[in-house]
């Protein structure tokens, strides 16, 4: 399944009966800041921007934890 949605700042998408909530916080140019709220059992994968660095992998895990339950 594929879906494309245009959102305005402050609008929210809910998935799986509201277990996953994605809100567009701000938009500037080609970047958007979103908030993802999900149960701890949901694994959130961020874009792989520097796969060659071990440090990047560690920060990705930290960022994943920060995103889960973020508002």
Protein backbone atom coordinates (compact mmCIF):
# COMPACT_ATOMS: atom_id res chain seq x y z
CA UNK A 1 0.00 0.00 0.00
CA UNK A 2 1.22 3.49 -0.80
CA UNK A 3 -0.21 6.82 0.28
CA UNK A 4 0.69 10.45 -0.38
CA UNK A 5 -0.82 13.15 1.82
CA UNK A 6 -0.41 16.91 1.85
CA UNK A 7 -0.38 18.22 5.41
CA UNK A 8 -0.47 21.69 6.87
CA UNK A 9 1.57 22.54 9.96
CA UNK A 10 -0.25 21.19 13.00
CA UNK A 11 -2.14 18.47 11.11
CA UNK A 12 -1.86 14.86 12.27
CA UNK A 13 -1.98 11.42 10.65
CA UNK A 14 -3.04 8.44 12.75
CA UNK A 15 -2.14 4.86 11.86
CA UNK A 16 -3.27 1.50 13.18
CA UNK A 17 -6.26 2.84 15.09
CA UNK A 18 -4.28 5.73 16.59
CA UNK A 19 -1.41 3.60 17.92
CA UNK A 20 0.98 5.60 15.72
CA UNK A 21 0.51 9.37 15.50
CA UNK A 22 2.53 11.57 13.11
CA UNK A 23 2.20 15.37 13.35
CA UNK A 24 3.75 17.97 11.05
CA UNK A 25 5.37 20.48 13.41
CA UNK A 26 7.03 22.85 10.95
CA UNK A 27 8.00 23.13 7.30
CA UNK A 28 10.75 25.19 5.70
CA UNK A 29 11.80 24.76 2.09
CA UNK A 30 12.35 21.07 1.43
CA UNK A 31 12.61 20.09 5.10
CA UNK A 32 9.83 19.20 7.48
CA UNK A 33 9.92 18.56 11.21
CA UNK A 34 7.55 15.85 12.38
CA UNK A 35 6.61 14.35 15.70
CA UNK A 36 6.08 10.58 15.91
CA UNK A 37 4.20 9.08 18.85
CA UNK A 38 4.15 5.30 19.08
CA UNK A 39 4.22 2.44 21.53
CA UNK A 40 7.67 1.24 22.62
CA UNK A 41 7.11 -1.92 20.56
CA UNK A 42 7.12 0.12 17.32
CA UNK A 43 10.59 0.46 15.81
CA UNK A 44 11.16 3.77 14.06
CA UNK A 45 13.97 3.85 11.50
CA UNK A 46 15.50 7.18 10.56
CA UNK A 47 17.12 7.94 7.20
CA UNK A 48 20.61 6.47 6.91
CA UNK A 49 22.67 9.59 6.24
CA UNK A 50 26.18 8.24 6.99
CA UNK A 51 26.26 4.44 7.00
CA UNK A 52 30.08 4.31 7.10
CA UNK A 53 30.31 5.82 10.59
CA UNK A 54 29.78 3.72 13.72
CA UNK A 55 28.99 6.93 15.56
CA UNK A 56 26.07 7.60 13.20
CA UNK A 57 24.58 4.21 14.09
CA UNK A 58 24.76 5.00 17.79
CA UNK A 59 23.11 8.38 17.33
CA UNK A 60 20.36 6.80 15.21
CA UNK A 61 19.44 4.51 18.09
CA UNK A 62 19.36 7.47 20.47
CA UNK A 63 17.22 9.48 18.06
CA UNK A 64 14.85 6.54 17.62
CA UNK A 65 14.33 6.41 21.39
CA UNK A 66 13.76 10.19 21.51
CA UNK A 67 11.16 10.04 18.71
CA UNK A 68 9.08 7.34 20.33
CA UNK A 69 6.49 9.15 22.40
CA UNK A 70 7.65 12.61 21.30
CA UNK A 71 5.07 15.33 21.12
